[in-house]
Structure formats: structure tokens, C-alpha cells
Protein backbone atom coordinates (compact mmCIF):
# COMPACT_ATOMS: atom_id res chain seq x y z
CA MET A 1 -4.92 124.92 48.23
CA ALA A 2 -4.60 127.21 51.22
CA MET A 3 -0.83 126.71 51.35
CA LEU A 4 -0.53 127.45 47.62
CA LEU A 5 -2.57 130.62 48.05
CA LEU A 6 -0.44 131.70 51.00
CA LEU A 7 2.85 131.08 49.20
CA SER A 8 1.73 132.91 46.04
CA THR A 9 0.62 136.07 47.87
CA ILE A 10 3.67 136.55 50.12
CA SER A 11 6.55 138.69 48.88
CA TRP A 12 9.83 136.82 49.22
CA THR A 13 13.16 138.51 49.91
CA VAL A 14 16.39 136.52 49.85
CA GLU A 15 19.63 138.20 50.89
CA LYS A 16 23.12 136.76 50.47
CA HIS A 17 26.36 137.93 52.00
CA LEU A 18 29.38 137.18 49.80
CA CYS A 19 32.93 137.26 51.04
CA MET A 20 35.68 136.77 48.43
CA GLY A 21 33.11 135.32 46.04
CA ARG A 22 31.85 132.69 48.49
CA VAL A 23 28.40 132.72 50.03
CA MET A 24 28.79 133.20 53.76
CA ASP A 25 25.16 133.70 54.83
CA VAL A 26 21.71 133.42 53.27
CA ALA A 27 18.60 134.89 54.90
CA LEU A 28 14.90 134.95 54.07
CA PHE A 29 12.76 137.99 54.98
CA ASN A 30 15.58 139.80 56.84
CA HIS A 31 19.21 140.93 56.44
CA ALA A 32 22.06 138.44 56.04
CA GLU A 33 24.63 138.54 58.82
CA ASP A 34 28.00 140.14 58.17
CA CYS A 35 31.11 137.94 58.25
CA GLY A 36 33.11 140.46 60.28
CA MET A 37 35.56 141.23 57.50
CA LYS A 38 34.36 144.83 57.14
CA ALA A 39 35.26 145.56 60.76
CA GLY A 40 38.75 144.17 60.19
CA LEU A 41 39.20 146.21 57.02
CA ALA A 42 37.98 149.35 58.78
CA LEU A 43 41.07 149.18 60.98
CA LEU A 44 43.31 148.92 57.91
CA GLU A 45 41.53 151.70 56.03
CA ASP A 46 44.27 154.12 56.97
CA ALA A 47 46.70 152.19 54.80
CA PRO A 48 46.75 153.45 51.17
CA SER A 49 47.05 149.95 49.67
CA VAL A 50 43.64 148.73 50.95
CA LYS A 51 40.89 150.53 49.05
CA LYS A 52 38.74 147.65 47.84
CA HIS A 53 36.43 145.63 50.08
CA CYS A 54 36.13 141.90 49.49
CA CYS A 55 32.57 141.60 50.84
CA ALA A 56 29.35 142.18 48.95
CA ASP A 57 25.64 141.90 49.70
CA GLU A 58 23.08 140.71 47.16
CA ALA A 59 19.31 140.84 47.55
CA PHE A 60 16.54 139.30 45.46
CA THR A 61 12.88 140.23 45.98
CA MET A 62 9.98 138.40 44.38
CA GLN A 63 6.74 140.33 44.64
CA GLY A 64 3.63 138.39 45.63
CA GLN A 65 0.32 138.48 43.84
CA ASP A 66 -1.94 141.32 45.02
CA ASP A 67 -5.08 140.90 42.91
CA LEU A 68 -6.80 137.55 43.58
CA THR A 69 -10.16 138.28 41.99
CA ARG A 70 -11.16 136.62 38.73
CA ASP A 71 -13.74 138.04 36.36
CA PHE A 72 -15.83 135.22 34.88
CA SER A 73 -17.55 137.55 32.40
CA LYS A 74 -14.39 137.59 30.26
CA PHE A 75 -14.79 133.89 29.43
CA ASP A 76 -16.22 133.15 26.02
CA PHE A 77 -19.22 130.86 25.63
CA SER A 78 -17.26 127.64 25.04
CA GLN A 79 -15.17 128.20 28.19
CA GLN A 80 -18.31 128.85 30.24
CA VAL A 81 -19.94 125.67 28.92
CA PHE A 82 -16.84 123.65 29.77
CA LEU A 83 -16.64 125.15 33.27
CA VAL A 84 -20.29 124.43 34.03
CA SER A 85 -20.18 120.87 32.63
CA PHE A 86 -16.92 120.03 34.42
CA THR A 87 -18.26 121.35 37.74
CA ASN A 88 -21.49 119.40 37.34
CA ALA A 89 -19.65 116.16 36.47
CA TYR A 90 -17.21 116.62 39.37
CA LEU A 91 -19.95 117.22 41.90
CA ASP A 92 -21.85 114.15 40.66
CA LEU A 93 -18.94 112.00 41.82
CA PHE A 94 -19.84 112.69 45.45
CA LYS A 95 -23.54 111.81 45.25
CA ASP A 96 -24.72 108.60 46.89
CA SER A 97 -25.68 105.92 44.43
CA VAL A 98 -29.18 104.48 44.73
CA GLU A 99 -29.28 100.72 45.04
CA ASN A 100 -31.65 98.83 42.75
CA ASN A 101 -34.36 97.01 44.63
CA ILE A 102 -34.59 93.40 43.52
CA PRO A 103 -38.13 92.21 44.30
CA PHE A 104 -37.15 88.51 44.43
CA ASN A 105 -34.11 88.95 46.65
CA SER A 106 -35.69 87.16 49.61
CA TYR A 107 -36.56 84.00 47.61
CA PRO A 108 -33.94 81.25 47.48
CA PRO A 109 -32.88 79.73 44.16
CA PRO A 110 -34.42 76.39 43.19
CA THR A 111 -32.76 73.29 44.59
CA LEU A 112 -31.08 70.93 42.16
CA ALA A 113 -32.42 67.39 42.08
CA GLU A 114 -29.18 66.00 40.66
CA ASP A 115 -25.71 67.35 40.11
CA LEU A 116 -25.62 67.86 36.33
CA ASN A 117 -21.82 67.89 36.05
CA ILE A 118 -21.53 64.42 37.52
CA LEU A 119 -24.58 63.19 35.63
CA HIS A 120 -23.08 64.13 32.27
CA GLN A 121 -19.48 63.49 33.40
CA VAL A 122 -18.27 67.02 32.53
CA PHE A 123 -15.31 68.10 34.65
CA LEU A 124 -13.11 71.20 34.53
CA ILE A 125 -9.44 70.39 34.29
């Protein structure tokens, strides 16, 4: 539960560096590293034929949840009844069960005078 809460409240930022349409670097929480192509093209920028860069950076940010409070007064009556009954039934699972006291537990069963199966010749096959 704690890990789920942590992951839902953090804002995630994923950055990708693309060079000629291929992903060169992916980074979480910080900037993706450059492939070095921009430095090479900066030297050729004087030439009139090179005006378009082949590298691009993409970033995706997913905002985390800021408000973690829940207002239970907005539940209708049937939802409140379900919540209370479910909580009560769930907490009853962890209660210790009481053993039934058998008052004749210390007395042995009566002894058999004869083995009735052999006497009546009844055998399980």
C-alpha cells in the first residue's frame, strides 16, 4: 500500500532524445543525454545546404495526485452501510476463536467386550 501511495503521488517525467528517428537515450526525472550530433552540425552550420537538424528531444510529464483526502460524508446511506458491514466482517476474521469446552473430554470411551465386525463377519473390501 505504501509503495502504491508513493508511486501515485510522484510526478513522473520521461525525456527521450531522438536522432534520425531512432531513440538514442531515455531518462527519468532528468534530461536525456545528447548524442553529439548537434556539435558536429554546429561546425557545418556555415554551409548553406545544412539547415535542418536531425535530432529532436521529446518530454512527457505525468502529474502526481496532490489531494489525498477523502470525504466520507458524500457517501449515500447504502454505501455507508456496506462500508461499515464490510469493515466489521473483515476485522472479525482476525479474532481468536473460542474453543468449546467438552465436559467429558477426560473420560475414556467404553471398552468393547467383543469385536463386532468379526462377530458378525462384516468386512470392508
